[in-house]
Protein backbone atom coordinates (compact mmCIF):
# COMPACT_ATOMS: atom_id res chain seq x y z
CA MET A 1 -5.59 49.62 -150.69
CA PRO A 2 -8.24 47.41 -148.93
CA ARG A 3 -7.07 45.08 -146.24
CA PRO A 4 -7.37 41.36 -147.23
CA THR A 5 -9.91 39.40 -145.18
CA SER A 6 -9.47 35.90 -146.62
CA GLY A 7 -6.87 33.63 -148.23
CA PRO A 8 -3.24 33.31 -147.29
CA TRP A 9 -3.06 36.95 -146.19
CA ALA A 10 -5.71 36.42 -143.60
CA SER A 11 -3.28 35.09 -140.92
CA ASP A 12 -2.41 37.34 -138.02
CA CYS A 13 1.20 37.82 -139.25
CA ALA A 14 0.10 38.72 -142.74
CA ARG A 15 -2.70 41.04 -141.62
CA THR A 16 -0.48 43.00 -139.22
CA ALA A 17 2.37 43.12 -141.75
CA PHE A 18 0.05 44.40 -144.41
CA ALA A 19 -1.38 47.02 -142.04
CA ARG A 20 2.06 48.25 -141.03
CA GLY A 21 3.46 48.20 -144.57
CA SER A 22 0.54 50.19 -146.01
CA SER A 23 0.63 52.85 -143.25
CA PRO A 24 1.78 56.38 -144.25
CA ASP A 25 4.67 56.41 -141.74
CA TYR A 26 6.03 52.96 -142.68
CA ASP A 27 9.40 54.29 -143.88
CA ARG A 28 9.84 56.32 -140.67
CA TRP A 29 9.00 53.30 -138.54
CA LEU A 30 11.39 51.08 -140.52
CA ALA A 31 14.23 53.53 -140.11
CA HIS A 32 13.47 53.72 -136.37
CA VAL A 33 13.58 49.95 -135.75
CA LEU A 34 16.18 48.88 -138.31
CA HIS A 35 19.14 48.82 -135.83
CA ALA A 36 17.21 46.22 -133.77
CA GLY A 37 15.49 44.61 -136.70
CA GLU A 38 16.95 41.11 -136.40
CA CYS A 39 16.60 40.87 -132.64
CA THR A 40 14.08 38.22 -131.68
CA ARG A 41 12.84 39.91 -128.55
CA PRO A 42 13.92 43.60 -128.56
CA ILE A 43 13.57 45.70 -125.38
CA ARG A 44 11.02 48.53 -125.56
CA LEU A 45 11.93 51.67 -123.58
CA THR A 46 9.85 54.71 -122.89
CA GLY A 47 10.69 58.16 -121.59
CA ARG A 48 12.74 60.94 -123.23
CA ILE A 49 16.16 61.52 -124.76
CA ASP A 50 18.08 64.73 -124.06
CA THR A 51 20.76 66.17 -126.31
CA VAL A 52 23.41 67.84 -124.19
CA ASN A 53 26.25 70.13 -125.25
CA THR A 54 29.25 68.76 -123.40
CA ALA A 55 31.08 72.05 -123.55
CA THR A 56 28.41 73.99 -121.73
CA GLY A 57 26.26 71.35 -120.17
CA GLU A 58 23.17 72.86 -121.80
CA ILE A 59 20.33 70.65 -122.97
CA THR A 60 19.93 71.67 -126.62
CA ALA A 61 17.00 69.37 -127.39
CA SER A 62 14.68 66.88 -125.73
CA THR A 63 12.77 64.19 -127.52
CA PRO A 64 9.94 62.39 -125.76
CA THR A 65 9.60 58.79 -127.01
CA ALA A 66 5.89 59.48 -127.41
CA THR A 67 6.75 61.37 -130.61
CA LEU A 68 8.61 58.36 -132.06
CA PRO A 69 6.98 55.46 -133.99
CA ASP A 70 5.12 53.13 -131.58
CA GLY A 71 5.95 55.61 -128.76
CA VAL A 72 9.04 53.65 -127.68
CA VAL A 73 12.72 53.14 -128.34
CA TYR A 74 13.71 49.65 -129.50
CA ALA A 75 17.00 48.18 -128.13
CA SER A 76 18.45 44.83 -128.97
CA CYS A 77 18.23 42.32 -126.20
CA GLY A 78 21.99 41.57 -126.42
CA ASN A 79 21.48 37.94 -125.36
CA ARG A 80 24.65 35.89 -126.06
CA ARG A 81 22.79 32.50 -126.31
CA ALA A 82 22.10 31.35 -129.84
CA THR A 83 18.95 29.56 -128.69
CA ALA A 84 17.52 32.78 -127.19
CA CYS A 85 18.34 35.27 -129.99
CA PRO A 86 20.30 34.13 -133.05
CA ALA A 87 20.92 37.70 -134.24
CA CYS A 88 22.31 39.11 -130.98
CA SER A 89 24.21 35.88 -130.39
CA ALA A 90 25.89 36.25 -133.85
CA VAL A 91 27.06 39.81 -132.85
CA TYR A 92 28.38 38.47 -129.56
CA ARG A 93 30.15 35.64 -131.30
CA ALA A 94 31.78 38.04 -133.83
CA ASP A 95 32.90 40.39 -131.08
CA THR A 96 34.35 37.51 -129.04
CA TYR A 97 36.16 36.29 -132.18
CA GLN A 98 37.67 39.77 -132.68
CA LEU A 99 38.68 40.00 -129.00
CA ILE A 100 40.39 36.61 -129.05
CA THR A 101 42.11 37.17 -132.42
CA ALA A 102 43.43 40.53 -131.25
CA GLY A 103 45.24 38.85 -128.40
CA LEU A 104 46.82 36.44 -130.91
CA ILE A 105 47.88 38.58 -133.81
CA GLY A 106 47.40 42.12 -132.61
CA GLY A 107 44.98 44.89 -133.49
CA LYS A 108 42.26 46.68 -131.58
CA GLY A 109 44.93 48.41 -129.48
CA ILE A 110 47.19 45.36 -129.19
CA PRO A 111 50.61 45.58 -130.87
CA ASP A 112 51.32 43.04 -133.61
CA THR A 113 54.48 41.97 -131.81
CA VAL A 114 52.28 39.49 -129.89
CA THR A 115 52.65 37.17 -132.91
CA THR A 116 56.14 36.28 -131.51
CA HIS A 117 54.76 35.08 -128.12
CA PRO A 118 54.23 31.42 -127.24
CA VAL A 119 50.49 30.52 -127.15
CA TYR A 120 48.92 27.35 -125.78
CA PHE A 121 45.44 25.87 -126.10
CA LEU A 122 44.50 24.38 -122.79
CA THR A 123 41.50 22.12 -122.18
CA LEU A 124 40.41 21.27 -118.63
CA THR A 125 37.66 18.77 -118.09
CA ALA A 126 35.70 17.61 -115.05
CA PRO A 127 36.27 14.29 -113.35
CA SER A 128 33.86 11.37 -113.57
CA PHE A 129 30.91 11.27 -111.33
CA GLY A 130 29.59 7.94 -112.63
CA PRO A 131 29.48 5.97 -115.98
CA VAL A 132 27.56 7.67 -118.71
CA HIS A 133 26.75 6.86 -122.34
CA SER A 134 29.49 8.37 -124.56
CA GLN A 135 31.14 8.12 -127.92
CA ARG A 136 34.50 7.14 -126.41
CA ALA A 137 36.57 8.92 -128.98
CA THR A 138 40.35 8.81 -128.71
CA GLY A 139 40.50 12.62 -128.59
CA PRO A 140 38.18 15.58 -128.59
CA LYS A 141 35.12 15.07 -130.82
CA THR A 142 35.53 18.53 -132.33
CA THR A 143 38.96 20.08 -132.51
CA PRO A 144 40.20 23.54 -133.60
CA THR A 145 41.86 21.84 -136.63
CA GLY A 146 38.46 20.70 -137.84
CA HIS A 147 39.38 17.03 -137.68
CA GLY A 148 37.07 14.86 -135.60
CA THR A 149 37.90 11.44 -134.13
CA ARG A 150 36.20 8.17 -134.78
CA ALA A 151 33.67 7.06 -132.15
CA ARG A 152 33.88 3.60 -130.64
CA THR A 153 31.48 1.25 -128.87
CA CYS A 154 30.15 2.95 -125.74
CA ARG A 155 30.85 0.42 -122.98
CA PRO A 156 31.45 -2.95 -124.62
CA SER A 157 31.28 -6.20 -122.66
CA ARG A 158 30.31 -9.78 -123.56
CA ARG A 159 29.06 -10.50 -120.04
CA PRO A 160 26.60 -8.55 -118.00
CA ARG A 161 28.12 -6.10 -115.42
CA TYR A 162 25.58 -5.22 -112.76
CA CYS A 163 25.83 -2.31 -110.38
CA ALA A 164 24.72 -2.34 -106.71
CA HIS A 165 21.16 -1.40 -107.91
CA GLY A 166 20.90 -4.35 -110.31
CA ARG A 167 21.38 -2.47 -113.51
CA ASP A 168 23.53 -3.73 -116.36
CA LEU A 169 26.31 -1.20 -117.08
CA ARG A 170 27.03 -2.52 -120.56
CA CYS A 171 26.31 -0.54 -123.74
CA ASN A 172 27.36 -2.17 -126.99
CA ARG A 173 26.06 0.67 -129.18
CA VAL A 174 28.06 3.22 -131.13
CA HIS A 175 26.30 6.56 -130.36
CA ALA A 176 25.87 8.89 -133.30
CA ASP A 177 25.98 12.67 -132.94
CA GLY A 178 22.70 13.93 -131.49
CA ASP A 179 21.84 10.63 -129.83
CA PRO A 180 19.63 11.47 -126.87
CA MET A 181 21.36 8.84 -124.82
CA LEU A 182 24.71 10.67 -124.88
CA GLY A 183 25.65 11.99 -121.48
CA ARG A 184 22.95 10.04 -119.62
CA PRO A 185 24.11 7.91 -116.68
CA LEU A 186 23.89 4.11 -117.06
CA CYS A 187 22.43 4.15 -113.53
CA LEU A 188 20.80 7.25 -112.16
CA ASP A 189 21.11 5.95 -108.58
CA CYS A 190 24.84 5.26 -108.83
CA TYR A 191 25.59 8.70 -110.36
CA ASP A 192 26.88 11.37 -107.86
CA HIS A 193 24.62 14.29 -108.76
CA ASP A 194 25.52 16.15 -105.61
CA HIS A 195 29.24 16.13 -106.38
CA GLN A 196 28.66 17.19 -110.01
CA VAL A 197 26.58 20.32 -109.24
CA THR A 198 29.08 21.18 -106.52
CA PHE A 199 31.91 20.95 -109.07
CA ASN A 200 29.87 23.26 -111.38
CA VAL A 201 29.33 25.93 -108.80
CA MET A 202 33.05 25.75 -107.71
CA ALA A 203 34.51 25.44 -111.22
CA GLY A 204 35.33 29.20 -111.38
CA GLU A 205 37.23 28.97 -108.15
CA LEU A 206 39.15 25.94 -109.33
CA TRP A 207 40.12 27.82 -112.49
CA ARG A 208 41.31 30.84 -110.37
CA ARG A 209 43.46 28.62 -108.22
CA THR A 210 44.94 26.80 -111.25
CA ILE A 211 45.98 29.98 -113.03
CA ASP A 212 47.43 31.34 -109.77
CA HIS A 213 49.37 28.09 -109.34
CA ALA A 214 50.80 28.46 -112.85
CA ALA A 215 51.51 32.14 -112.35
CA LYS A 216 53.68 31.43 -109.34
CA ALA A 217 55.85 29.00 -111.35
CA LEU A 218 55.97 31.25 -114.44
CA ARG A 219 57.02 34.24 -112.34
CA ARG A 220 60.26 32.49 -111.49
CA LEU A 221 60.98 32.46 -115.24
CA ARG A 222 59.98 36.15 -115.59
CA VAL A 223 56.90 35.17 -117.55
CA ARG A 224 53.18 36.22 -117.17
CA ALA A 225 50.18 34.31 -118.48
CA SER A 226 47.43 36.28 -120.32
CA PHE A 227 44.39 34.27 -121.26
CA ALA A 228 41.02 34.15 -123.00
CA LYS A 229 38.66 31.37 -121.74
CA VAL A 230 35.28 29.93 -122.54
CA ALA A 231 33.15 27.44 -120.71
CA GLU A 232 31.47 24.47 -122.39
CA MET A 233 28.57 22.59 -120.88
CA GLN A 234 28.94 18.88 -121.78
CA THR A 235 25.99 16.63 -122.50
CA ARG A 236 26.22 15.11 -119.02
CA GLY A 237 25.60 18.56 -117.61
CA VAL A 238 29.05 19.37 -116.26
CA VAL A 239 31.20 22.29 -117.31
CA HIS A 240 34.75 22.29 -118.66
CA PHE A 241 36.99 25.03 -119.92
CA HIS A 242 38.92 25.84 -123.08
CA ALA A 243 41.54 28.62 -122.77
CA LEU A 244 44.07 30.26 -125.01
CA ILE A 245 47.04 31.20 -122.86
CA ARG A 246 49.51 33.71 -124.26
CA LEU A 247 52.89 34.05 -122.42
CA ASP A 248 54.38 37.53 -122.02
CA HIS A 249 57.49 38.97 -120.37
CA LEU A 250 56.72 39.64 -116.72
CA ASP A 251 58.35 43.14 -116.72
CA SER A 252 56.89 44.37 -120.04
CA ASP A 253 54.55 47.36 -120.27
CA PRO A 254 50.93 46.21 -119.95
CA ASP A 255 50.07 48.21 -123.15
CA HIS A 256 53.02 46.80 -125.06
CA PRO A 257 53.53 43.12 -123.99
CA MET A 258 56.90 41.60 -124.94
CA PRO A 259 57.74 37.97 -125.53
CA PRO A 260 59.25 35.84 -122.70
CA PRO A 261 63.01 36.28 -121.98
CA ALA A 262 65.35 34.84 -124.58
CA GLY A 263 66.24 31.22 -124.03
CA THR A 264 62.96 30.37 -122.34
CA ASP A 265 62.13 26.68 -123.16
CA PRO A 266 58.56 26.48 -124.72
CA GLU A 267 58.25 22.84 -123.53
CA GLN A 268 59.03 23.96 -120.01
CA LEU A 269 56.24 26.52 -120.22
CA ARG A 270 53.82 23.86 -121.38
CA ALA A 271 54.88 21.56 -118.55
CA ILE A 272 54.13 24.29 -116.03
CA LEU A 273 50.58 24.58 -117.27
CA LEU A 274 50.01 20.85 -117.22
CA GLU A 275 51.50 20.66 -113.67
CA ALA A 276 49.19 23.36 -112.41
CA ALA A 277 46.18 21.52 -113.77
CA ALA A 278 47.24 18.24 -112.30
CA HIS A 279 48.08 19.45 -108.78
CA THR A 280 45.42 22.11 -108.13
CA ALA A 281 42.61 20.87 -105.91
CA PHE A 282 40.73 22.05 -102.81
CA THR A 283 38.00 20.85 -100.47
CA THR A 284 34.75 22.77 -100.24
CA PRO A 285 33.38 24.13 -97.06
CA GLY A 286 31.47 21.63 -94.88
CA HIS A 287 27.83 20.91 -95.75
CA THR A 288 25.05 19.43 -93.65
CA ASP A 289 24.88 16.50 -96.13
CA LYS A 290 28.67 16.09 -96.24
CA PRO A 291 30.44 17.67 -93.25
CA ASP A 292 33.90 16.92 -94.67
CA GLY A 293 33.03 18.76 -97.94
CA TRP A 294 33.69 17.63 -101.53
CA VAL A 295 37.07 17.51 -103.20
CA ILE A 296 37.12 19.73 -106.33
CA THR A 297 39.77 18.86 -108.90
CA TRP A 298 40.15 18.51 -112.73
CA GLY A 299 39.53 15.29 -114.51
CA GLN A 300 41.99 12.97 -116.27
CA GLN A 301 41.40 14.46 -119.73
CA VAL A 302 43.62 17.48 -119.60
CA ASP A 303 45.21 18.67 -122.88
CA CYS A 304 47.67 21.46 -123.62
CA ARG A 305 48.76 21.98 -127.17
CA ALA A 306 51.07 24.64 -128.59
CA VAL A 307 49.30 26.97 -131.01
CA ARG A 308 52.52 28.83 -131.35
CA ALA A 309 55.86 28.12 -129.71
CA GLY A 310 57.80 31.30 -130.15
CA ASN A 311 57.75 32.02 -133.95
CA ASP A 312 56.84 28.40 -134.85
CA VAL A 313 53.14 27.93 -135.59
CA THR A 314 51.86 24.39 -135.09
CA GLU A 315 49.09 22.51 -136.95
CA ILE A 316 46.45 24.40 -134.98
CA SER A 317 45.39 27.51 -136.90
CA GLU A 318 45.24 30.65 -134.74
CA ARG A 319 42.04 31.87 -136.42
CA ALA A 320 40.48 28.37 -136.14
CA VAL A 321 41.12 28.35 -132.38
CA ALA A 322 39.55 31.76 -132.02
CA ALA A 323 36.50 30.73 -134.01
CA TYR A 324 36.26 27.55 -131.85
CA LEU A 325 36.26 29.50 -128.66
CA ALA A 326 33.84 32.13 -130.00
CA LYS A 327 31.38 29.43 -131.01
CA TYR A 328 31.20 28.00 -127.48
CA ALA A 329 30.86 31.51 -125.98
CA THR A 330 27.28 31.56 -127.34
CA LYS A 331 26.15 28.20 -125.97
CA SER A 332 24.57 27.26 -122.71
CA THR A 333 22.84 24.18 -121.41
CA GLU A 334 21.08 23.23 -124.64
CA ASP A 335 23.21 20.14 -125.24
CA THR A 336 21.92 18.68 -122.06
CA GLY A 337 18.34 19.00 -123.30
CA HIS A 338 17.46 21.69 -120.72
CA LEU A 339 16.65 25.39 -121.28
CA SER A 340 14.79 27.40 -118.77
CA ALA A 341 14.65 30.79 -117.13
CA ARG A 342 15.73 31.23 -113.52
CA ILE A 343 13.96 28.69 -111.31
CA THR A 344 11.89 29.79 -108.34
CA GLU A 345 9.86 28.17 -105.56
CA ALA A 346 6.86 28.27 -107.79
CA THR A 347 8.53 26.52 -110.76
CA ILE A 348 10.98 24.10 -109.09
CA GLY A 349 8.49 21.28 -109.14
CA ILE A 350 8.32 21.42 -113.01
CA HIS A 351 11.98 20.66 -113.49
CA THR A 352 12.88 18.03 -110.95
CA ASP A 353 11.69 14.83 -112.59
CA PRO A 354 13.58 12.03 -110.67
CA ALA A 355 13.44 9.83 -113.72
CA THR A 356 15.76 12.17 -115.70
CA HIS A 357 19.35 13.00 -115.26
CA VAL A 358 18.81 16.80 -115.64
CA GLY A 359 15.88 16.63 -113.25
CA ARG A 360 18.14 15.09 -110.58
CA LEU A 361 20.81 17.71 -111.12
CA ILE A 362 18.36 20.52 -110.66
CA ALA A 363 16.94 18.81 -107.57
CA ALA A 364 20.54 18.53 -106.21
CA CYS A 365 21.11 22.19 -106.79
CA TRP A 366 17.90 23.13 -104.97
CA HIS A 367 18.48 20.77 -102.07
CA LEU A 368 22.17 21.57 -101.47
CA GLY A 369 21.57 25.26 -101.75
CA ARG A 370 18.86 25.34 -99.14
CA PRO A 371 19.26 28.04 -96.38
CA GLY A 372 21.34 26.95 -93.42
CA ALA A 373 22.91 23.90 -95.10
CA GLN A 374 26.47 25.24 -95.23
CA VAL A 375 28.45 24.52 -92.09
CA GLU A 376 31.25 27.15 -92.54
CA LEU A 377 29.24 30.37 -92.69
CA ASP A 378 32.38 32.57 -92.91
CA ALA A 379 33.47 31.03 -96.27
CA PRO A 380 33.89 33.48 -99.18
CA ASP A 381 30.81 33.99 -101.34
CA ARG A 382 32.46 32.49 -104.39
CA ILE A 383 32.52 29.06 -102.68
CA SER A 384 29.10 29.31 -101.08
CA PHE A 385 26.47 26.62 -101.57
CA ALA A 386 23.80 29.17 -101.44
CA ARG A 387 24.62 30.04 -105.07
CA LEU A 388 23.29 26.66 -106.16
CA ARG A 389 19.65 27.71 -105.96
CA ARG A 390 20.31 30.96 -107.91
CA TRP A 391 21.97 28.99 -110.71
CA ALA A 392 19.86 25.84 -110.61
CA HIS A 393 18.71 26.54 -114.20
CA MET A 394 22.32 26.37 -115.22
CA LEU A 395 22.87 23.11 -113.34
CA GLY A 396 24.93 24.98 -110.69
CA PHE A 397 27.32 26.81 -112.99
CA GLY A 398 27.08 30.53 -112.27
CA GLY A 399 30.23 31.86 -113.95
CA HIS A 400 30.66 33.73 -117.21
CA PHE A 401 30.82 31.55 -120.36
CA SER A 402 33.41 33.85 -121.80
CA THR A 403 36.15 35.60 -119.78
CA LYS A 404 39.64 36.94 -120.29
CA SER A 405 42.51 38.45 -118.29
CA ARG A 406 42.87 42.21 -118.31
CA ARG A 407 46.17 42.27 -120.27
CA TYR A 408 45.10 39.77 -123.01
CA SER A 409 43.38 42.13 -125.42
CA THR A 410 40.68 44.74 -125.82
CA THR A 411 37.22 44.51 -124.20
CA LEU A 412 33.73 43.96 -125.41
CA THR A 413 32.82 47.45 -124.21
CA ALA A 414 35.46 49.02 -126.48
CA LEU A 415 34.25 46.97 -129.44
CA ARG A 416 30.60 47.96 -128.86
CA ALA A 417 31.57 51.64 -128.45
CA ALA A 418 33.43 51.51 -131.80
CA ARG A 419 30.33 49.96 -133.47
CA LYS A 420 28.11 52.64 -131.98
CA THR A 421 30.36 55.45 -133.31
CA TRP A 422 30.40 53.79 -136.78
CA ARG A 423 26.60 53.55 -136.79
CA ARG A 424 26.29 57.21 -135.84
CA ARG A 425 28.61 58.16 -138.71
CA GLN A 426 26.60 56.08 -141.16
CA ALA A 427 23.41 57.83 -139.98
CA ARG A 428 24.87 61.22 -140.81
CA PRO A 429 26.08 61.00 -144.46
CA ASP A 430 25.43 64.68 -144.99
CA LEU A 431 28.61 65.60 -143.06
CA ASP A 432 32.02 65.28 -144.72
CA HIS A 433 34.59 63.00 -143.12
CA ALA A 434 36.56 65.78 -141.37
CA ARG A 435 33.44 67.35 -139.90
CA ARG A 436 32.07 63.94 -138.73
CA ASP A 437 35.36 63.06 -137.07
CA GLU A 438 35.46 66.41 -135.29
CA ASP A 439 31.76 66.20 -134.29
CA LEU A 440 31.78 62.51 -133.17
CA ASP A 441 35.29 62.05 -131.80
CA GLY A 442 36.35 65.54 -130.71
CA GLU A 443 35.92 66.97 -127.26
CA ASP A 444 33.39 69.65 -128.32
CA THR A 445 30.50 67.37 -129.25
CA THR A 446 26.98 66.49 -128.21
CA LEU A 447 25.93 63.80 -125.74
CA LEU A 448 22.70 61.84 -125.83
CA ILE A 449 21.27 61.06 -122.41
CA GLY A 450 18.26 58.74 -122.20
CA HIS A 451 15.79 58.94 -119.29
CA LEU A 452 14.16 55.71 -120.13
CA THR A 453 12.22 53.05 -118.30
CA TYR A 454 11.28 49.50 -119.31
CA ALA A 455 8.08 49.25 -121.29
CA GLY A 456 8.10 45.66 -122.49
CA THR A 457 9.88 42.98 -124.46
CA GLY A 458 9.27 41.89 -128.05
CA TRP A 459 7.68 43.38 -131.15
CA HIS A 460 4.13 44.64 -130.92
CA THR A 461 2.90 42.22 -133.58
CA THR A 462 4.12 39.24 -135.53
CA GLY A 463 3.87 41.35 -138.66
CA ASP A 464 6.22 43.94 -137.20
CA ALA A 465 8.69 41.16 -136.39
CA LEU A 466 8.56 39.83 -139.95
CA LEU A 467 9.03 43.24 -141.60
CA ALA A 468 11.86 44.30 -139.28
CA THR A 469 13.72 41.05 -139.60
CA THR A 470 13.35 40.99 -143.38
CA ALA A 471 14.58 44.54 -143.74
CA ALA A 472 17.56 43.99 -141.46
CA ALA A 473 18.51 40.79 -143.29
CA ARG A 474 18.30 42.62 -146.62
CA ALA A 475 20.49 45.48 -145.29
CA ARG A 476 23.02 42.92 -143.96
CA GLU A 477 23.20 41.15 -147.35
CA GLN A 478 23.73 44.48 -149.15
CA HIS A 479 26.58 45.37 -146.85
CA GLN A 480 28.17 41.92 -147.29
CA THR A 481 27.85 42.26 -151.12
CA ALA A 482 29.51 45.66 -150.96
CA ARG A 483 32.35 44.27 -148.84
CA ASP A 484 32.84 41.34 -151.17
CA GLU A 485 32.90 43.65 -154.22
CA LEU A 486 35.46 45.95 -152.53
CA THR A 487 37.62 43.01 -151.68
CA HIS A 488 37.39 41.80 -155.25
CA GLN A 489 38.35 45.17 -156.68
CA LEU A 490 41.31 45.56 -154.28
CA GLY A 491 42.47 42.09 -155.32
CA GLN A 492 42.40 43.06 -158.99
CA HIS A 493 44.19 46.31 -158.29
CA HIS A 494 47.07 44.66 -156.54
CA GLN A 495 47.28 41.73 -158.95
CA GLU A 496 50.46 41.81 -160.95
CA PRO A 497 49.88 42.07 -164.72
CA ALA A 498 50.56 39.00 -166.75
CA ALA A 499 53.86 38.94 -168.61
């Protein structure tokens, strides 16, 4: 078939897609890249892959990547951020949802007896660092129950209210969702950008001290707190935390958690969590710009709601809370209007516009994190100002956006290993189930060892990206259709016949 040279197929994407699709080894190439097909920027690896017999240690086969299509192995980037790679982010969000749900209702190695444990949904916000444009809702704008709250006038006043810099601090508007003014200070010069980025870099330490504070009080009641937590970056560029906290018996087996001792008052447990949030604070090490350090504490808007108090489930759905947390696990700083890679000496000037809120936050990170600025050099690394420069692109926050305690549930590593095993089984339909289970799960099996190095990022051509994405989307739709049909058939099978 001749290659088109004019018309709509003459674009670079169309030409390269046509060339790939008409090549003799197209089917082999598609099978090779399908597992990474929906990834926006897959990682290309080159080298060789050895097949090893684990019983003898013998290399039974060796495959150079040069013999594979494109001469490389494609691996998904695995980026959790939805703005960076929607496909990999969707996988991460689904894994996080399964991880959180397992800690609530059991499964994935967690006994279903956890459904009898009290669970609380704790929200910890940052304090105010200056007045900003907001929706001033009476509660959280988005809640796990799905019910939002009505926004009110931002900062109403009939008379002007001037700050020390001569700016009027009134705002008689009702800001709609997506308004670019949301989160912006009413006066950039009044706003304490230094304190905010310091809070961001110390937020993980504040959480650690808060949960330790609660653990000491809970221990007196023979109760242990297990949690799953996500961080959310607000539009003003400061982080706050949402956490699901499950309460277990202190003396129970880590693999088989038991509910708190009989007679434990659920309201007392909630009060302990609120008390820990209200009374946990610390002062940072001294800094050249502030020798006495900054006080790090939670803000006024602290909320702790029962998801389940013993066997009583409240209005907050367990699965809705899990989905709510999983959604925020894939977000970053996009709500602030800033997205960038790690900032360096060569790129810092691009991001520090003093006329913007985010520009001043990044400038504060870079300035406070300069070498030699910290007074107490023997302070632990987790409360070091030097981390501010490393995480300036994250406005100072360098922690994980999704974390959990060890006892809460399974791990992302275990979920990914299970997915890998499932994919290997799907790739070998010629073996019967018993043989596949023995070959893939038994002790006497083969092991693939890759001796691979980084060769690049992204698809070779825009046409390759189009074909791989389309094929992967089609495969996903087919799998979803099959699952829906199976669910429908099972529903009909278990439906009681009409009288």
